[in-house]
Every structure is written in structure tokens, then in C-alpha cells.
N, C-alpha and C. Protein backbone atom coordinates (compact mmCIF):
# COMPACT_ATOMS: atom_id res chain seq x y z
N MET A 1 34.20 6.29 16.13
CA MET A 1 33.49 6.81 14.82
C MET A 1 32.18 7.59 14.88
N LYS A 2 32.26 8.85 14.82
CA LYS A 2 31.30 9.73 15.11
C LYS A 2 29.66 9.16 14.41
N SER A 3 28.64 9.43 14.71
CA SER A 3 27.48 9.41 14.44
C SER A 3 26.77 10.45 13.55
N ALA A 4 26.22 10.37 12.88
CA ALA A 4 25.59 11.21 11.78
C ALA A 4 23.76 11.49 11.93
N VAL A 5 23.37 12.34 11.43
CA VAL A 5 22.23 12.60 11.33
C VAL A 5 21.45 12.69 10.16
N ILE A 6 20.19 11.81 10.51
CA ILE A 6 19.11 11.50 8.99
C ILE A 6 18.35 12.94 8.96
N PRO A 7 18.36 13.71 8.06
CA PRO A 7 17.59 14.94 7.77
C PRO A 7 15.77 14.44 8.43
N GLN A 8 15.38 15.70 8.75
CA GLN A 8 14.17 15.61 9.26
C GLN A 8 13.27 15.97 8.20
N VAL A 9 12.40 14.68 8.43
CA VAL A 9 11.30 14.44 7.43
C VAL A 9 9.81 15.15 7.99
N ARG A 10 9.40 16.12 7.19
CA ARG A 10 8.05 16.99 7.39
C ARG A 10 6.84 15.66 6.92
N VAL A 11 6.09 15.53 7.81
CA VAL A 11 4.47 14.83 7.42
C VAL A 11 3.46 15.68 8.11
N GLU A 12 2.31 14.72 7.38
CA GLU A 12 0.98 15.16 7.94
C GLU A 12 0.99 14.95 9.24
N PRO A 13 0.15 15.34 10.11
CA PRO A 13 0.03 15.13 11.49
C PRO A 13 -1.00 13.80 11.57
N GLU A 14 -1.66 13.26 10.50
CA GLU A 14 -2.63 12.18 10.48
C GLU A 14 -1.49 11.13 10.56
N LEU A 15 0.14 11.38 9.59
CA LEU A 15 0.87 9.94 9.83
C LEU A 15 1.51 9.72 10.61
N ARG A 16 2.06 11.07 11.70
CA ARG A 16 2.56 10.92 12.83
C ARG A 16 1.88 10.32 14.07
N ALA A 17 0.40 10.62 13.97
CA ALA A 17 -0.35 10.05 14.67
C ALA A 17 -0.58 8.75 14.60
N GLU A 18 -0.23 8.16 13.34
CA GLU A 18 -0.56 6.55 13.20
C GLU A 18 1.06 6.18 13.72
N LEU A 19 2.43 6.55 13.06
CA LEU A 19 2.84 6.25 13.88
C LEU A 19 3.58 5.97 15.16
N GLU A 20 3.07 6.61 15.89
CA GLU A 20 3.15 6.86 17.20
C GLU A 20 1.93 6.14 17.48
N ALA A 21 0.90 5.54 17.14
CA ALA A 21 0.04 4.12 17.63
C ALA A 21 1.01 3.26 17.27
N VAL A 22 1.69 2.93 16.36
CA VAL A 22 1.95 1.43 16.20
C VAL A 22 3.70 1.41 16.91
N LEU A 23 3.78 2.17 17.79
CA LEU A 23 5.07 1.99 18.35
C LEU A 23 5.07 0.99 19.58
N HIS A 24 6.02 0.26 19.65
CA HIS A 24 6.09 -0.73 20.55
C HIS A 24 6.30 -0.04 21.73
N GLN A 25 5.86 -0.67 23.26
CA GLN A 25 6.08 -0.27 24.40
C GLN A 25 7.26 0.08 24.77
N GLY A 26 7.60 1.33 25.00
CA GLY A 26 9.28 1.78 24.99
C GLY A 26 9.99 2.27 24.32
N GLU A 27 9.37 1.82 22.57
CA GLU A 27 10.02 2.48 21.44
C GLU A 27 9.88 3.78 21.26
N THR A 28 10.91 4.35 21.13
CA THR A 28 11.08 6.02 20.58
C THR A 28 10.79 5.84 19.07
N LEU A 29 10.35 7.24 18.92
CA LEU A 29 10.34 7.72 17.38
C LEU A 29 11.31 7.51 16.97
N SER A 30 12.68 7.86 17.53
CA SER A 30 14.14 7.84 16.58
C SER A 30 14.11 6.39 16.40
N GLU A 31 14.09 5.35 17.38
CA GLU A 31 14.41 4.33 17.15
C GLU A 31 13.65 3.49 15.95
N PHE A 32 12.47 3.84 15.63
CA PHE A 32 11.35 3.17 14.77
C PHE A 32 12.07 3.90 13.40
N VAL A 33 12.32 4.87 13.19
CA VAL A 33 12.80 5.60 12.19
C VAL A 33 14.36 4.90 11.60
N GLU A 34 15.02 5.08 12.76
CA GLU A 34 16.21 4.17 12.33
C GLU A 34 15.98 2.59 12.17
N ALA A 35 15.24 1.82 12.54
CA ALA A 35 15.13 0.49 12.04
C ALA A 35 14.73 0.65 10.77
N SER A 36 13.22 1.63 10.43
CA SER A 36 13.07 1.51 9.30
C SER A 36 13.76 1.75 8.00
N VAL A 37 14.61 2.89 8.54
CA VAL A 37 16.12 3.30 7.44
C VAL A 37 16.66 2.25 7.13
N ARG A 38 17.15 0.99 8.02
CA ARG A 38 18.11 -0.09 7.92
C ARG A 38 17.34 -0.88 7.24
N ASN A 39 16.04 -1.35 7.57
CA ASN A 39 15.22 -2.27 6.70
C ASN A 39 15.08 -2.28 5.33
N ALA A 40 14.81 -0.55 4.84
CA ALA A 40 14.91 -0.24 3.53
C ALA A 40 16.10 -0.16 2.98
N VAL A 41 17.22 0.15 3.52
CA VAL A 41 18.86 -0.03 3.13
C VAL A 41 18.63 -1.69 2.41
N GLY A 42 18.51 -2.21 3.53
CA GLY A 42 18.99 -4.12 3.32
C GLY A 42 17.64 -4.14 1.99
N PHE A 43 16.63 -3.95 2.29
CA PHE A 43 16.10 -4.23 0.86
C PHE A 43 16.23 -3.50 -0.39
N ARG A 44 16.93 -2.35 -0.45
CA ARG A 44 17.49 -2.05 -1.70
C ARG A 44 18.71 -2.75 -2.08
N ARG A 45 19.05 -3.13 -0.96
CA ARG A 45 20.52 -3.89 -1.35
C ARG A 45 20.08 -5.23 -2.01
N VAL A 46 19.06 -5.65 -1.53
CA VAL A 46 18.63 -7.15 -2.00
C VAL A 46 18.08 -6.60 -3.45
N GLN A 47 17.81 -5.76 -3.63
CA GLN A 47 16.81 -5.47 -5.22
C GLN A 47 18.28 -5.28 -6.27
N MET A 48 18.85 -4.49 -5.71
CA MET A 48 20.29 -4.73 -6.62
C MET A 48 20.92 -5.63 -7.03
N ARG A 49 20.99 -6.22 -6.25
CA ARG A 49 21.67 -7.99 -6.38
C ARG A 49 21.04 -8.66 -7.13
N PHE A 50 19.54 -8.57 -7.02
CA PHE A 50 18.74 -9.42 -7.62
C PHE A 50 18.86 -8.74 -9.31
N HIS A 51 18.72 -7.28 -9.28
CA HIS A 51 18.77 -7.20 -10.47
C HIS A 51 20.24 -7.24 -11.38
N GLU A 52 21.32 -7.31 -10.64
CA GLU A 52 22.88 -7.48 -11.17
C GLU A 52 22.52 -9.04 -11.63
N ARG A 53 22.36 -9.98 -11.25
CA ARG A 53 22.16 -11.11 -10.98
C ARG A 53 21.20 -11.69 -12.44
N GLY A 54 20.39 -10.60 -12.54
CA GLY A 54 19.34 -10.87 -13.92
C GLY A 54 19.98 -10.27 -15.14
N GLN A 55 20.72 -9.05 -14.98
CA GLN A 55 21.73 -8.68 -15.95
C GLN A 55 22.53 -9.57 -16.26
N ALA A 56 23.49 -10.00 -15.42
CA ALA A 56 24.47 -11.08 -15.54
C ALA A 56 23.90 -12.67 -16.36
N ALA A 57 22.65 -12.76 -15.97
CA ALA A 57 22.41 -14.11 -16.58
C ALA A 57 21.62 -13.55 -18.09
N TRP A 58 21.08 -12.83 -18.25
CA TRP A 58 20.90 -12.08 -19.67
C TRP A 58 21.63 -12.10 -20.30
N GLU A 59 22.78 -11.38 -20.15
CA GLU A 59 24.20 -11.04 -21.11
C GLU A 59 24.47 -12.59 -21.16
N HIS A 60 24.79 -13.35 -20.48
CA HIS A 60 25.33 -14.92 -20.60
C HIS A 60 24.69 -15.67 -21.87
N TYR A 61 23.10 -15.41 -21.65
CA TYR A 61 22.30 -15.75 -22.61
C TYR A 61 22.53 -15.28 -23.82
N GLN A 62 22.58 -14.19 -24.10
CA GLN A 62 22.93 -13.40 -25.28
C GLN A 62 24.19 -13.73 -25.64
N SER A 63 25.03 -14.04 -25.14
CA SER A 63 26.65 -14.53 -25.60
C SER A 63 26.74 -16.08 -25.93
N THR A 64 25.89 -16.32 -25.60
CA THR A 64 25.74 -18.00 -25.03
C THR A 64 24.83 -18.70 -26.02
N GLY A 65 23.63 -18.08 -25.75
CA GLY A 65 22.41 -18.70 -26.22
C GLY A 65 21.53 -19.93 -25.52
N VAL A 66 22.50 -20.14 -24.33
CA VAL A 66 22.70 -21.45 -23.19
C VAL A 66 21.40 -20.68 -22.32
N SER A 67 20.10 -21.22 -22.25
CA SER A 67 19.34 -21.14 -21.27
C SER A 67 18.74 -22.14 -20.28
N VAL A 68 18.20 -21.65 -18.76
CA VAL A 68 17.40 -22.98 -18.36
C VAL A 68 16.05 -22.67 -18.67
N SER A 69 15.34 -23.76 -18.87
CA SER A 69 13.91 -23.62 -18.95
C SER A 69 13.22 -23.24 -17.70
N ALA A 70 11.87 -22.86 -17.71
CA ALA A 70 11.54 -22.20 -16.25
C ALA A 70 10.75 -23.76 -15.52
N ASP A 71 10.57 -24.58 -16.23
CA ASP A 71 10.05 -25.71 -15.65
C ASP A 71 11.48 -26.67 -14.70
N GLU A 72 12.78 -26.25 -15.31
CA GLU A 72 13.99 -26.78 -14.97
C GLU A 72 14.26 -25.80 -13.46
N VAL A 73 14.24 -24.66 -13.74
CA VAL A 73 14.08 -23.44 -12.50
C VAL A 73 13.27 -24.07 -11.50
N LEU A 74 12.17 -24.10 -11.59
CA LEU A 74 10.94 -24.32 -10.53
C LEU A 74 11.40 -25.50 -10.09
N ALA A 75 11.63 -26.54 -10.68
CA ALA A 75 12.09 -28.19 -10.08
C ALA A 75 12.69 -27.85 -9.23
N LYS A 76 14.15 -27.03 -9.47
CA LYS A 76 15.08 -27.04 -8.42
C LYS A 76 14.86 -26.24 -7.24
N LEU A 77 14.09 -25.14 -7.38
CA LEU A 77 13.55 -24.16 -6.33
C LEU A 77 12.27 -25.39 -5.44
N GLN A 78 11.77 -26.31 -5.76
CA GLN A 78 10.91 -27.10 -5.29
C GLN A 78 11.44 -28.07 -4.50
N ALA A 79 13.06 -28.39 -4.89
CA ALA A 79 13.74 -29.59 -4.54
C ALA A 79 14.58 -28.84 -3.59
N ARG A 80 14.68 -27.64 -3.10
CA ARG A 80 15.24 -26.66 -2.09
C ARG A 80 14.31 -26.44 -1.25
N LEU A 81 13.57 -26.15 -1.39
CA LEU A 81 12.05 -26.39 -0.38
C LEU A 81 11.78 -26.97 0.17
N ASN A 82 11.81 -28.48 -0.31
CA ASN A 82 11.28 -29.82 0.02
C ASN A 82 12.37 -30.14 1.01
N ALA A 83 13.79 -30.02 0.80
CA ALA A 83 15.13 -30.30 1.48
C ALA A 83 14.79 -29.58 2.80
N LYS A 84 14.64 -28.27 2.35
CA LYS A 84 14.51 -27.21 4.07
C LYS A 84 13.54 -27.76 4.67
N ARG A 85 12.32 -28.03 3.87
CA ARG A 85 11.42 -28.19 5.40
C ARG A 85 11.45 -29.62 5.86
N LYS A 86 12.20 -30.92 4.80
CA LYS A 86 12.74 -32.15 5.57
C LYS A 86 13.78 -31.71 6.96
N GLN A 87 14.93 -31.10 6.84
CA GLN A 87 15.56 -30.23 7.64
C GLN A 87 15.18 -30.01 9.04
N ILE A 88 13.72 -29.06 8.63
CA ILE A 88 13.09 -28.27 9.82
C ILE A 88 12.18 -29.10 10.39
N GLY A 89 11.88 -30.46 9.72
CA GLY A 89 10.65 -31.24 10.51
C GLY A 89 9.57 -31.00 9.99
N GLY A 90 9.53 -29.97 8.79
CA GLY A 90 8.12 -29.84 8.37
C GLY A 90 7.42 -30.36 7.25
């Protein structure tokens, strides 16, 4: 599969200087931009899935009237956190 090129982005010289100042030893600007784009795409996917789950939950609630209280949700999350901490020895 052929690789594709991401369009060039014009930035102020100050931003370019800041960017170059935070590059790791041996890291290129292109590598940094690619990693940043990959991270942004991943974050957007997580956001989209979160929104989709929220929308589905809202639609389920509207059609059934069944919901879970905030206290129940927090208790389940706390239990999951406690189990994970126990698993990793924390």
C-alpha cells in the first residue's frame, strides 16, 4: 500500500521554535507530527464511541424509563478501581 502525505501546515515561527525545542533526541519533526496526528485520531475515536454509548443509553432510558442511579454507577466504578489496585498490588 502506498503511503499518503498529510498537507503542510503553516504556523508562526514561535510555535515552530517551541515544537523543535520539545523534540526528543533524534526525533524528527515529521515523526512528531505523525505521532501527534495518530494520537489525535485515537482520541477522536474514543470521543465518538463515548458519545455513541451515551446516546444509546439516553435512547434506552427514553424508551424504557429504566435508569441507574449515580450512586450505583460510582459504586461499580469504585469496585472496579479497587479490584484493579488489588490486582497490581497497589
